[in-house]
């Protein structure tokens, strides 16, 4: 399986840290955020990676190279301007191929078992959901058995980790567009499965949350991958 790490966001809420450093290269627990993902993907046996970038993207390529130093192969999908999640994935589809692929938001940290994720035949997406964090109490979707719905309660938060079939993007055009409307349409057609992750998950959206993750990892409460 191939995987894509989303790394094109500017990280406005992380300023001034991201004025000179792209968000994926900010450090927590002794290494850049994106390295945590790469190491965890490699440990799961997923070594064919695609990384998109926009803001200060040259720094990401310089830091990671072709991935051989980390036991993976990295190809890049540069964006002149960030294309949002949907547009970024759509642009990278030629690199991701015709089989289901994994996508991981570059601004989360989690101990999800990536090797254990799977998408059922007929589904267009499989999402990992987590309990709602304090900064997102309303959640995103509901989980009924293993089916993800856009309505109902209690609601859970999308972790930023999902498996997708390329067919989810059928009919789309190049340019910036969000992923959520495509997922909601697939949910309406009962073609999205999911699971709840009860382990650790951090949404690293502000300098304070980055510092909290750094303290947590540096204290040795878990291994980073």
Protein backbone atom coordinates (compact mmCIF):
# COMPACT_ATOMS: atom_id res chain seq x y z
CA UNK A 1 0.00 0.00 0.00
CA UNK A 2 1.10 3.56 -0.74
CA UNK A 3 0.63 6.42 1.70
CA UNK A 4 0.39 10.18 1.40
CA UNK A 5 1.37 12.63 4.12
CA UNK A 6 -0.43 15.97 3.81
CA UNK A 7 2.18 18.66 4.40
CA UNK A 8 1.07 21.64 2.29
CA UNK A 9 -0.71 23.73 4.93
CA UNK A 10 0.80 27.07 5.85
CA UNK A 11 0.11 26.66 9.56
CA UNK A 12 -1.25 30.14 10.20
CA UNK A 13 -2.25 29.28 13.78
CA UNK A 14 1.32 28.14 14.43
CA UNK A 15 2.85 31.52 13.62
CA UNK A 16 5.44 32.82 14.27
CA UNK A 17 6.93 29.29 14.37
CA UNK A 18 5.92 28.66 10.77
CA UNK A 19 7.13 31.97 9.35
CA UNK A 20 10.51 30.41 8.59
CA UNK A 21 9.91 26.71 9.15
CA UNK A 22 7.23 24.60 7.46
CA UNK A 23 4.87 23.09 10.01
CA UNK A 24 5.87 19.46 9.27
CA UNK A 25 9.46 20.24 10.28
CA UNK A 26 8.58 21.63 13.71
CA UNK A 27 10.07 19.41 16.37
CA UNK A 28 8.35 17.40 19.11
CA UNK A 29 9.94 14.66 21.13
CA UNK A 30 13.33 15.27 19.54
CA UNK A 31 12.40 15.00 15.87
CA UNK A 32 10.26 16.76 13.24
CA UNK A 33 6.55 16.02 13.21
CA UNK A 34 6.74 14.51 9.74
CA UNK A 35 9.50 12.13 10.83
CA UNK A 36 7.15 10.62 13.41
CA UNK A 37 4.80 9.74 10.55
CA UNK A 38 7.54 8.41 8.32
CA UNK A 39 8.95 6.22 11.07
CA UNK A 40 5.54 4.85 11.99
CA UNK A 41 4.66 4.16 8.36
CA UNK A 42 7.96 2.36 7.80
CA UNK A 43 7.40 0.28 10.93
CA UNK A 44 3.99 -0.70 9.53
CA UNK A 45 5.62 -1.89 6.31
CA UNK A 46 4.36 1.09 4.28
CA UNK A 47 7.40 2.46 2.52
CA UNK A 48 6.13 3.99 -0.74
CA UNK A 49 5.26 7.54 0.30
CA UNK A 50 3.99 10.70 -1.37
CA UNK A 51 4.30 14.06 0.37
CA UNK A 52 2.66 17.23 -0.89
CA UNK A 53 4.00 20.62 0.05
CA UNK A 54 3.54 24.30 -0.66
CA UNK A 55 4.71 26.80 2.00
CA UNK A 56 8.52 26.53 2.30
CA UNK A 57 8.28 23.16 0.60
CA UNK A 58 11.91 23.18 -0.52
CA UNK A 59 12.90 22.83 3.13
CA UNK A 60 10.86 19.62 3.39
CA UNK A 61 12.54 18.10 0.36
CA UNK A 62 15.97 19.15 1.63
CA UNK A 63 15.32 17.61 5.05
CA UNK A 64 13.87 14.31 3.81
CA UNK A 65 15.42 13.76 0.39
CA UNK A 66 14.32 10.58 -1.33
CA UNK A 67 13.57 8.91 2.00
CA UNK A 68 16.32 6.32 1.75
CA UNK A 69 17.86 7.51 5.02
CA UNK A 70 14.63 6.49 6.76
CA UNK A 71 14.02 3.21 4.95
CA UNK A 72 11.28 4.56 2.66
CA UNK A 73 10.89 5.95 -0.85
CA UNK A 74 9.49 9.48 -1.01
CA UNK A 75 8.03 11.23 -4.02
CA UNK A 76 6.79 14.79 -3.84
CA UNK A 77 3.68 16.54 -5.11
CA UNK A 78 4.53 20.26 -5.00
CA UNK A 79 1.75 22.83 -5.02
CA UNK A 80 2.28 26.45 -6.02
CA UNK A 81 -0.52 27.32 -3.59
CA UNK A 82 -2.06 24.89 -1.12
CA UNK A 83 -4.93 23.02 -2.80
CA UNK A 84 -6.82 22.02 0.36
CA UNK A 85 -7.08 18.37 1.30
CA UNK A 86 -9.23 17.20 -1.59
CA UNK A 87 -7.35 19.13 -4.25
CA UNK A 88 -3.99 18.07 -2.87
CA UNK A 89 -4.88 14.38 -2.94
CA UNK A 90 -6.42 14.70 -6.41
CA UNK A 91 -3.22 16.29 -7.76
CA UNK A 92 -1.17 13.43 -6.30
CA UNK A 93 -3.35 10.61 -7.70
CA UNK A 94 -0.94 9.83 -10.56
CA UNK A 95 1.71 9.08 -7.92
CA UNK A 96 -0.67 7.07 -5.72
CA UNK A 97 -1.85 4.62 -8.36
CA UNK A 98 -5.08 2.71 -8.85
CA UNK A 99 -5.26 0.82 -5.54
CA UNK A 100 -6.55 2.08 -2.16
CA UNK A 101 -4.04 4.31 -0.39
CA UNK A 102 -3.54 5.71 3.09
CA UNK A 103 -3.60 9.45 3.82
CA UNK A 104 -2.27 10.96 7.04
CA UNK A 105 -2.58 14.60 8.06
CA UNK A 106 0.87 15.98 8.70
CA UNK A 107 -0.28 17.98 11.73
CA UNK A 108 -1.43 15.12 13.96
CA UNK A 109 0.45 12.66 16.15
CA UNK A 110 -1.08 9.29 16.97
CA UNK A 111 -0.30 5.70 17.85
CA UNK A 112 -2.97 4.28 15.51
CA UNK A 113 -2.04 0.80 14.24
CA UNK A 114 -1.52 1.77 10.61
CA UNK A 115 -0.77 -1.79 9.54
CA UNK A 116 -4.18 -2.88 10.84
CA UNK A 117 -6.24 -0.52 8.67
CA UNK A 118 -8.25 -1.99 5.81
CA UNK A 119 -10.98 -0.89 3.41
CA UNK A 120 -13.86 -3.18 2.49
CA UNK A 121 -14.76 -4.03 -1.08
CA UNK A 122 -17.33 -1.56 -2.34
CA UNK A 123 -16.37 1.19 0.11
CA UNK A 124 -14.73 4.39 -1.07
CA UNK A 125 -13.19 5.35 2.27
CA UNK A 126 -12.32 4.01 5.71
CA UNK A 127 -11.87 6.65 8.41
CA UNK A 128 -10.26 6.59 11.83
CA UNK A 129 -12.35 8.53 14.37
CA UNK A 130 -11.39 9.70 17.85
CA UNK A 131 -13.10 11.24 20.86
CA UNK A 132 -13.74 14.95 20.46
CA UNK A 133 -10.87 17.09 21.75
CA UNK A 134 -11.63 20.20 23.83
CA UNK A 135 -11.05 22.51 20.86
CA UNK A 136 -13.52 20.57 18.67
CA UNK A 137 -16.34 19.50 20.99
CA UNK A 138 -19.00 19.22 18.28
CA UNK A 139 -17.18 16.44 16.43
CA UNK A 140 -17.54 15.56 12.74
CA UNK A 141 -19.31 12.23 12.11
CA UNK A 142 -21.07 9.38 13.87
CA UNK A 143 -20.11 5.71 13.90
CA UNK A 144 -22.90 3.13 13.68
CA UNK A 145 -21.29 -0.26 13.89
CA UNK A 146 -18.53 0.08 11.32
CA UNK A 147 -20.42 2.60 9.16
CA UNK A 148 -19.65 6.31 9.24
CA UNK A 149 -22.61 8.71 9.02
CA UNK A 150 -22.88 12.45 8.65
CA UNK A 151 -25.91 12.68 10.95
CA UNK A 152 -26.88 11.56 14.42
CA UNK A 153 -25.20 11.50 17.81
CA UNK A 154 -22.89 10.98 19.57
CA UNK A 155 -20.43 12.52 17.20
CA UNK A 156 -16.75 11.74 16.93
CA UNK A 157 -13.84 13.66 15.39
CA UNK A 158 -12.12 12.62 12.18
CA UNK A 159 -8.51 11.91 13.11
CA UNK A 160 -7.05 12.96 9.77
CA UNK A 161 -6.19 9.34 8.96
CA UNK A 162 -8.07 7.47 6.27
CA UNK A 163 -7.90 4.92 3.51
CA UNK A 164 -9.31 6.02 0.15
CA UNK A 165 -10.01 4.54 -3.23
CA UNK A 166 -9.10 6.77 -6.18
CA UNK A 167 -12.73 6.47 -7.33
CA UNK A 168 -13.72 8.75 -4.45
CA UNK A 169 -12.36 11.59 -6.61
CA UNK A 170 -14.15 10.65 -9.84
CA UNK A 171 -15.53 13.71 -11.60
CA UNK A 172 -13.29 16.20 -9.82
CA UNK A 173 -11.20 18.82 -11.57
CA UNK A 174 -7.75 20.11 -10.78
CA UNK A 175 -7.69 22.95 -8.28
CA UNK A 176 -8.34 23.61 -4.62
CA UNK A 177 -11.29 21.83 -3.02
CA UNK A 178 -12.08 20.24 0.35
CA UNK A 179 -12.33 16.52 1.03
CA UNK A 180 -15.32 16.62 3.39
CA UNK A 181 -18.07 17.04 0.73
CA UNK A 182 -16.78 13.97 -1.12
CA UNK A 183 -16.83 11.97 2.09
CA UNK A 184 -20.35 13.14 2.97
CA UNK A 185 -21.63 12.11 -0.45
CA UNK A 186 -20.00 8.70 -0.07
CA UNK A 187 -21.57 8.38 3.40
CA UNK A 188 -24.98 9.17 1.94
CA UNK A 189 -24.42 6.21 -0.39
CA UNK A 190 -23.28 3.99 2.52
CA UNK A 191 -19.77 3.63 1.13
CA UNK A 192 -17.69 4.80 4.10
CA UNK A 193 -16.59 2.52 6.93
CA UNK A 194 -14.65 3.48 10.02
CA UNK A 195 -13.27 2.62 13.37
CA UNK A 196 -12.81 4.39 16.68
CA UNK A 197 -9.27 4.80 17.99
CA UNK A 198 -9.10 4.79 21.77
CA UNK A 199 -5.34 5.31 21.97
CA UNK A 200 -3.32 8.50 21.83
CA UNK A 201 -4.03 11.26 19.32
CA UNK A 202 -2.88 14.88 19.23
CA UNK A 203 -4.05 17.60 16.85
CA UNK A 204 -1.05 19.90 16.68
CA UNK A 205 -2.77 23.09 15.59
CA UNK A 206 -1.22 25.71 17.86
CA UNK A 207 2.16 26.40 19.48
CA UNK A 208 0.63 25.44 22.83
CA UNK A 209 -0.44 22.02 21.55
CA UNK A 210 2.97 21.48 19.98
CA UNK A 211 4.60 22.27 23.33
CA UNK A 212 2.21 19.91 25.10
CA UNK A 213 3.09 17.08 22.69
CA UNK A 214 6.79 17.81 23.05
CA UNK A 215 6.54 17.66 26.84
CA UNK A 216 4.51 14.43 26.67
CA UNK A 217 6.90 12.68 24.31
CA UNK A 218 10.01 14.01 26.04
CA UNK A 219 8.71 12.64 29.33
CA UNK A 220 8.87 9.19 27.74
CA UNK A 221 5.18 8.40 28.17
CA UNK A 222 5.18 6.61 24.83
CA UNK A 223 7.48 5.81 21.97
CA UNK A 224 7.22 8.08 18.96
CA UNK A 225 7.43 5.40 16.31
